[in-house]
Amino acid sequence: MASFCWECCSESVEKKQGDFIFDPPANIPGGVITIPNAIWEECGICGECVLPPELLKRLDEVRLERLERGLT
């Protein structure tokens, strides 16, 4: 069952599972971040993503690790 999208007001938000791919801003070195075996919700109309706390934590851990190592 789809739920409501707060961005485009459609009822097209579906649960997704798999590799979550995030293209961080330029100030985060190392290029694209891929989080394997992630779970999130995504609108099929506008692409808006709703990330659960666990996925946000994993992304933040990768971000901090990259900033500490100064990857380029």
N, C-alpha and C. Protein backbone atom coordinates (compact mmCIF):
# COMPACT_ATOMS: atom_id res chain seq x y z
N MET A 1 0.84 -1.19 0.00
CA MET A 1 0.00 0.00 0.00
C MET A 1 0.87 1.24 0.00
N ALA A 2 0.62 2.14 -0.91
CA ALA A 2 1.37 3.38 -1.02
C ALA A 2 0.90 4.37 0.03
N SER A 3 1.82 5.23 0.44
CA SER A 3 1.44 6.28 1.38
C SER A 3 1.62 7.65 0.73
N PHE A 4 1.29 8.68 1.45
CA PHE A 4 1.21 10.05 0.96
C PHE A 4 2.59 10.70 0.84
N CYS A 5 2.83 11.40 -0.27
CA CYS A 5 4.07 12.15 -0.48
C CYS A 5 3.84 13.60 -0.08
N TRP A 6 4.65 14.09 0.83
CA TRP A 6 4.53 15.46 1.29
C TRP A 6 5.07 16.45 0.27
N GLU A 7 5.85 15.99 -0.69
CA GLU A 7 6.43 16.88 -1.70
C GLU A 7 5.45 17.16 -2.84
N CYS A 8 4.87 16.09 -3.43
CA CYS A 8 4.00 16.29 -4.61
C CYS A 8 2.53 15.95 -4.33
N CYS A 9 2.23 15.55 -3.10
CA CYS A 9 0.86 15.27 -2.65
C CYS A 9 0.22 14.06 -3.34
N SER A 10 1.01 13.19 -3.93
CA SER A 10 0.47 11.97 -4.53
C SER A 10 0.45 10.85 -3.49
N GLU A 11 -0.21 9.78 -3.81
CA GLU A 11 -0.22 8.61 -2.94
C GLU A 11 0.63 7.52 -3.59
N SER A 12 1.88 7.87 -3.87
CA SER A 12 2.77 6.99 -4.63
C SER A 12 4.04 6.63 -3.88
N VAL A 13 4.08 6.80 -2.56
CA VAL A 13 5.27 6.49 -1.79
C VAL A 13 5.28 5.00 -1.46
N GLU A 14 6.35 4.34 -1.87
CA GLU A 14 6.49 2.90 -1.67
C GLU A 14 7.77 2.59 -0.90
N LYS A 15 7.74 1.50 -0.16
CA LYS A 15 8.91 1.02 0.55
C LYS A 15 9.90 0.45 -0.46
N LYS A 16 11.18 0.81 -0.31
CA LYS A 16 12.25 0.32 -1.17
C LYS A 16 13.28 -0.40 -0.31
N GLN A 17 13.95 -1.37 -0.91
CA GLN A 17 15.01 -2.09 -0.22
C GLN A 17 16.09 -2.44 -1.22
N GLY A 18 17.32 -2.24 -0.83
CA GLY A 18 18.44 -2.53 -1.71
C GLY A 18 19.59 -1.59 -1.44
N ASP A 19 20.39 -1.32 -2.47
CA ASP A 19 21.51 -0.40 -2.35
C ASP A 19 20.99 1.03 -2.47
N PHE A 20 21.18 1.83 -1.43
CA PHE A 20 20.79 3.23 -1.47
C PHE A 20 21.99 4.02 -1.96
N ILE A 21 21.81 4.77 -3.04
CA ILE A 21 22.89 5.52 -3.66
C ILE A 21 22.66 7.00 -3.42
N PHE A 22 23.67 7.65 -2.86
CA PHE A 22 23.58 9.07 -2.51
C PHE A 22 24.78 9.81 -3.10
N ASP A 23 24.51 10.86 -3.84
CA ASP A 23 25.56 11.69 -4.42
C ASP A 23 25.72 12.90 -3.50
N PRO A 24 26.73 12.89 -2.64
CA PRO A 24 26.87 13.96 -1.65
C PRO A 24 27.35 15.26 -2.28
N PRO A 25 27.22 16.37 -1.55
CA PRO A 25 27.72 17.65 -2.05
C PRO A 25 29.24 17.62 -2.18
N ALA A 26 29.77 18.59 -2.89
CA ALA A 26 31.20 18.63 -3.20
C ALA A 26 32.09 18.68 -1.97
N ASN A 27 31.59 19.18 -0.84
CA ASN A 27 32.43 19.27 0.35
C ASN A 27 32.60 17.93 1.07
N ILE A 28 31.93 16.89 0.59
CA ILE A 28 32.11 15.53 1.13
C ILE A 28 32.96 14.77 0.10
N PRO A 29 34.23 14.52 0.41
CA PRO A 29 35.10 13.88 -0.57
C PRO A 29 34.76 12.41 -0.79
N GLY A 30 35.23 11.88 -1.90
CA GLY A 30 35.12 10.44 -2.15
C GLY A 30 34.06 10.01 -3.13
N GLY A 31 33.26 10.94 -3.63
CA GLY A 31 32.26 10.58 -4.63
C GLY A 31 30.99 9.97 -4.05
N VAL A 32 30.30 9.22 -4.88
CA VAL A 32 29.00 8.65 -4.54
C VAL A 32 29.13 7.71 -3.33
N ILE A 33 28.13 7.78 -2.45
CA ILE A 33 28.05 6.89 -1.29
C ILE A 33 26.99 5.84 -1.58
N THR A 34 27.35 4.58 -1.42
CA THR A 34 26.40 3.48 -1.58
C THR A 34 26.25 2.76 -0.25
N ILE A 35 25.02 2.67 0.23
CA ILE A 35 24.72 1.94 1.47
C ILE A 35 23.99 0.66 1.06
N PRO A 36 24.65 -0.50 1.22
CA PRO A 36 24.00 -1.76 0.83
C PRO A 36 22.92 -2.19 1.83
N ASN A 37 21.98 -2.95 1.33
CA ASN A 37 20.91 -3.53 2.17
C ASN A 37 20.15 -2.49 2.97
N ALA A 38 19.86 -1.36 2.34
CA ALA A 38 19.14 -0.28 3.02
C ALA A 38 17.64 -0.41 2.78
N ILE A 39 16.87 0.24 3.65
CA ILE A 39 15.42 0.31 3.52
C ILE A 39 15.03 1.78 3.63
N TRP A 40 14.19 2.25 2.70
CA TRP A 40 13.71 3.63 2.70
C TRP A 40 12.38 3.67 1.96
N GLU A 41 11.75 4.84 1.94
CA GLU A 41 10.52 5.05 1.18
C GLU A 41 10.81 6.06 0.09
N GLU A 42 10.18 5.86 -1.08
CA GLU A 42 10.41 6.75 -2.22
C GLU A 42 9.13 6.96 -3.00
N CYS A 43 8.90 8.19 -3.41
CA CYS A 43 7.72 8.53 -4.21
C CYS A 43 7.98 8.14 -5.66
N GLY A 44 7.06 7.40 -6.24
CA GLY A 44 7.17 6.98 -7.62
C GLY A 44 6.89 8.09 -8.61
N ILE A 45 6.32 9.20 -8.16
CA ILE A 45 6.00 10.33 -9.03
C ILE A 45 7.14 11.35 -9.07
N CYS A 46 7.53 11.86 -7.90
CA CYS A 46 8.53 12.94 -7.87
C CYS A 46 9.92 12.48 -7.44
N GLY A 47 10.03 11.26 -6.91
CA GLY A 47 11.33 10.75 -6.49
C GLY A 47 11.76 11.14 -5.09
N GLU A 48 10.91 11.88 -4.38
CA GLU A 48 11.23 12.28 -3.00
C GLU A 48 11.48 11.03 -2.16
N CYS A 49 12.54 11.08 -1.34
CA CYS A 49 12.88 9.94 -0.48
C CYS A 49 12.66 10.31 0.99
N VAL A 50 12.16 9.34 1.73
CA VAL A 50 12.02 9.47 3.18
C VAL A 50 12.95 8.42 3.77
N LEU A 51 13.97 8.90 4.49
CA LEU A 51 14.99 8.00 5.03
C LEU A 51 14.74 7.76 6.51
N PRO A 52 14.75 6.49 6.92
CA PRO A 52 14.57 6.18 8.34
C PRO A 52 15.85 6.53 9.12
N PRO A 53 15.73 6.65 10.43
CA PRO A 53 16.90 7.02 11.26
C PRO A 53 18.11 6.11 11.05
N GLU A 54 17.89 4.82 10.85
CA GLU A 54 19.02 3.89 10.68
C GLU A 54 19.84 4.24 9.44
N LEU A 55 19.16 4.55 8.34
CA LEU A 55 19.85 4.89 7.10
C LEU A 55 20.54 6.25 7.23
N LEU A 56 19.89 7.21 7.86
CA LEU A 56 20.52 8.51 8.09
C LEU A 56 21.80 8.35 8.92
N LYS A 57 21.76 7.48 9.91
CA LYS A 57 22.93 7.24 10.76
C LYS A 57 24.06 6.63 9.93
N ARG A 58 23.75 5.66 9.08
CA ARG A 58 24.77 5.03 8.25
C ARG A 58 25.40 6.04 7.29
N LEU A 59 24.58 6.89 6.67
CA LEU A 59 25.11 7.93 5.79
C LEU A 59 26.00 8.90 6.54
N ASP A 60 25.60 9.28 7.75
CA ASP A 60 26.39 10.21 8.55
C ASP A 60 27.72 9.59 8.96
N GLU A 61 27.73 8.30 9.26
CA GLU A 61 28.97 7.61 9.61
C GLU A 61 29.95 7.63 8.44
N VAL A 62 29.46 7.37 7.24
CA VAL A 62 30.32 7.40 6.06
C VAL A 62 30.83 8.82 5.81
N ARG A 63 29.95 9.79 5.95
CA ARG A 63 30.33 11.19 5.76
C ARG A 63 31.45 11.58 6.72
N LEU A 64 31.29 11.26 8.00
CA LEU A 64 32.29 11.62 9.00
C LEU A 64 33.61 10.90 8.74
N GLU A 65 33.53 9.63 8.36
CA GLU A 65 34.74 8.87 8.07
C GLU A 65 35.51 9.50 6.90
N ARG A 66 34.79 9.88 5.88
CA ARG A 66 35.44 10.51 4.72
C ARG A 66 36.06 11.85 5.07
N LEU A 67 35.36 12.63 5.87
CA LEU A 67 35.89 13.93 6.26
C LEU A 67 37.14 13.77 7.13
N GLU A 68 37.12 12.78 8.02
CA GLU A 68 38.27 12.55 8.90
C GLU A 68 39.48 12.06 8.12
N ARG A 69 39.25 11.22 7.11
CA ARG A 69 40.36 10.68 6.31
C ARG A 69 40.78 11.65 5.21
N GLY A 70 39.93 12.61 4.88
CA GLY A 70 40.25 13.56 3.84
C GLY A 70 40.37 12.93 2.47
N LEU A 71 39.46 12.00 2.16
CA LEU A 71 39.49 11.34 0.85
C LEU A 71 39.26 12.35 -0.26
N THR A 72 39.89 12.11 -1.38
CA THR A 72 39.67 12.97 -2.55
C THR A 72 39.27 12.13 -3.73
